[in-house]
Amino acid sequence: MTKEEQATGMIDKYLDLLRIKKAEDRDKEIDNQLRATKIKLETLGVVTDQLTID
């Protein structure tokens, strides 16, 4: 991964956190971001079934 790709990923993460902070319905925003991120991971071949926190 190049430095530019890493920077882009961090910018995306930062913007996601800002969206959560500003959202009227934070739970809905978090659910939307989780859904989008899961799709991206699965598109890259990452199995997400075991990626949980209890």
N, C-alpha and C. Protein backbone atom coordinates (compact mmCIF):
# COMPACT_ATOMS: atom_id res chain seq x y z
N MET A 1 0.85 -1.17 0.00
CA MET A 1 0.00 0.00 0.00
C MET A 1 0.90 1.23 0.00
N THR A 2 0.58 2.14 -0.89
CA THR A 2 1.39 3.35 -0.99
C THR A 2 1.02 4.34 0.11
N LYS A 3 1.87 5.32 0.28
CA LYS A 3 1.61 6.37 1.27
C LYS A 3 0.32 7.12 0.93
N GLU A 4 0.08 7.34 -0.35
CA GLU A 4 -1.13 8.03 -0.78
C GLU A 4 -2.38 7.21 -0.48
N GLU A 5 -2.31 5.90 -0.67
CA GLU A 5 -3.44 5.02 -0.35
C GLU A 5 -3.70 5.02 1.15
N GLN A 6 -2.65 5.01 1.95
CA GLN A 6 -2.81 5.07 3.40
C GLN A 6 -3.44 6.40 3.81
N ALA A 7 -3.00 7.48 3.22
CA ALA A 7 -3.55 8.80 3.53
C ALA A 7 -5.02 8.86 3.15
N THR A 8 -5.38 8.33 2.00
CA THR A 8 -6.78 8.32 1.57
C THR A 8 -7.63 7.53 2.54
N GLY A 9 -7.14 6.40 3.00
CA GLY A 9 -7.87 5.59 3.97
C GLY A 9 -8.09 6.33 5.28
N MET A 10 -7.08 7.03 5.74
CA MET A 10 -7.20 7.78 6.98
C MET A 10 -8.14 8.97 6.83
N ILE A 11 -8.12 9.63 5.67
CA ILE A 11 -9.06 10.72 5.42
C ILE A 11 -10.48 10.19 5.45
N ASP A 12 -10.71 9.04 4.81
CA ASP A 12 -12.05 8.43 4.82
C ASP A 12 -12.50 8.12 6.24
N LYS A 13 -11.60 7.57 7.04
CA LYS A 13 -11.94 7.24 8.43
C LYS A 13 -12.28 8.50 9.21
N TYR A 14 -11.49 9.54 9.05
CA TYR A 14 -11.71 10.81 9.74
C TYR A 14 -13.08 11.39 9.35
N LEU A 15 -13.40 11.37 8.07
CA LEU A 15 -14.69 11.89 7.61
C LEU A 15 -15.84 11.05 8.15
N ASP A 16 -15.66 9.74 8.23
CA ASP A 16 -16.69 8.88 8.81
C ASP A 16 -16.95 9.25 10.27
N LEU A 17 -15.88 9.49 11.02
CA LEU A 17 -16.04 9.88 12.42
C LEU A 17 -16.74 11.23 12.55
N LEU A 18 -16.42 12.17 11.67
CA LEU A 18 -17.12 13.46 11.67
C LEU A 18 -18.60 13.28 11.37
N ARG A 19 -18.92 12.38 10.42
CA ARG A 19 -20.33 12.12 10.09
C ARG A 19 -21.08 11.59 11.30
N ILE A 20 -20.45 10.67 12.03
CA ILE A 20 -21.08 10.12 13.24
C ILE A 20 -21.30 11.23 14.26
N LYS A 21 -20.29 12.05 14.46
CA LYS A 21 -20.37 13.11 15.45
C LYS A 21 -21.49 14.10 15.13
N LYS A 22 -21.70 14.39 13.85
CA LYS A 22 -22.70 15.39 13.43
C LYS A 22 -24.08 14.80 13.17
N ALA A 23 -24.19 13.50 13.11
CA ALA A 23 -25.46 12.86 12.73
C ALA A 23 -26.54 13.10 13.77
N GLU A 24 -27.74 13.35 13.30
CA GLU A 24 -28.89 13.48 14.20
C GLU A 24 -29.21 12.13 14.84
N ASP A 25 -29.07 11.06 14.06
CA ASP A 25 -29.31 9.70 14.55
C ASP A 25 -28.00 8.92 14.43
N ARG A 26 -27.21 8.96 15.49
CA ARG A 26 -25.88 8.35 15.45
C ARG A 26 -25.93 6.85 15.21
N ASP A 27 -26.88 6.17 15.83
CA ASP A 27 -26.98 4.72 15.63
C ASP A 27 -27.24 4.38 14.17
N LYS A 28 -28.10 5.14 13.52
CA LYS A 28 -28.40 4.91 12.11
C LYS A 28 -27.16 5.16 11.25
N GLU A 29 -26.43 6.22 11.56
CA GLU A 29 -25.21 6.54 10.81
C GLU A 29 -24.17 5.45 11.00
N ILE A 30 -24.00 4.97 12.22
CA ILE A 30 -23.05 3.88 12.48
C ILE A 30 -23.46 2.62 11.72
N ASP A 31 -24.75 2.28 11.74
CA ASP A 31 -25.23 1.11 11.00
C ASP A 31 -24.95 1.25 9.51
N ASN A 32 -25.19 2.44 8.96
CA ASN A 32 -24.93 2.67 7.54
C ASN A 32 -23.45 2.50 7.21
N GLN A 33 -22.59 3.04 8.06
CA GLN A 33 -21.16 2.92 7.81
C GLN A 33 -20.67 1.48 7.99
N LEU A 34 -21.21 0.77 8.96
CA LEU A 34 -20.85 -0.64 9.12
C LEU A 34 -21.25 -1.45 7.90
N ARG A 35 -22.45 -1.20 7.40
CA ARG A 35 -22.93 -1.92 6.22
C ARG A 35 -22.03 -1.66 5.01
N ALA A 36 -21.69 -0.40 4.77
CA ALA A 36 -20.83 -0.05 3.64
C ALA A 36 -19.44 -0.65 3.78
N THR A 37 -18.89 -0.60 4.99
CA THR A 37 -17.55 -1.15 5.22
C THR A 37 -17.54 -2.66 5.05
N LYS A 38 -18.59 -3.33 5.52
CA LYS A 38 -18.68 -4.78 5.36
C LYS A 38 -18.70 -5.17 3.89
N ILE A 39 -19.44 -4.42 3.09
CA ILE A 39 -19.49 -4.69 1.65
C ILE A 39 -18.11 -4.52 1.02
N LYS A 40 -17.40 -3.46 1.40
CA LYS A 40 -16.06 -3.23 0.86
C LYS A 40 -15.13 -4.37 1.24
N LEU A 41 -15.17 -4.80 2.51
CA LEU A 41 -14.31 -5.90 2.96
C LEU A 41 -14.63 -7.19 2.21
N GLU A 42 -15.91 -7.50 2.07
CA GLU A 42 -16.30 -8.73 1.39
C GLU A 42 -15.92 -8.68 -0.09
N THR A 43 -15.97 -7.50 -0.69
CA THR A 43 -15.55 -7.34 -2.08
C THR A 43 -14.07 -7.66 -2.23
N LEU A 44 -13.30 -7.37 -1.19
CA LEU A 44 -11.86 -7.66 -1.19
C LEU A 44 -11.56 -9.09 -0.75
N GLY A 45 -12.61 -9.88 -0.46
CA GLY A 45 -12.41 -11.27 -0.08
C GLY A 45 -12.22 -11.50 1.41
N VAL A 46 -12.47 -10.49 2.23
CA VAL A 46 -12.31 -10.64 3.68
C VAL A 46 -13.62 -11.17 4.25
N VAL A 47 -13.53 -12.29 4.97
CA VAL A 47 -14.70 -12.86 5.62
C VAL A 47 -14.96 -12.07 6.90
N THR A 48 -16.17 -11.55 7.04
CA THR A 48 -16.46 -10.65 8.16
C THR A 48 -17.24 -11.31 9.28
N ASP A 49 -17.60 -12.57 9.12
CA ASP A 49 -18.42 -13.25 10.12
C ASP A 49 -17.79 -13.27 11.51
N GLN A 50 -16.49 -13.39 11.57
CA GLN A 50 -15.80 -13.49 12.87
C GLN A 50 -15.31 -12.13 13.39
N LEU A 51 -15.57 -11.07 12.66
CA LEU A 51 -15.12 -9.73 13.07
C LEU A 51 -16.20 -9.12 13.97
N THR A 52 -16.18 -9.55 15.23
CA THR A 52 -17.17 -9.05 16.18
C THR A 52 -16.47 -8.67 17.48
N ILE A 53 -17.14 -7.81 18.23
CA ILE A 53 -16.67 -7.43 19.56
C ILE A 53 -17.80 -7.65 20.52
N ASP A 54 -17.53 -8.37 21.59
CA ASP A 54 -18.57 -8.64 22.59
C ASP A 54 -18.45 -7.69 23.76
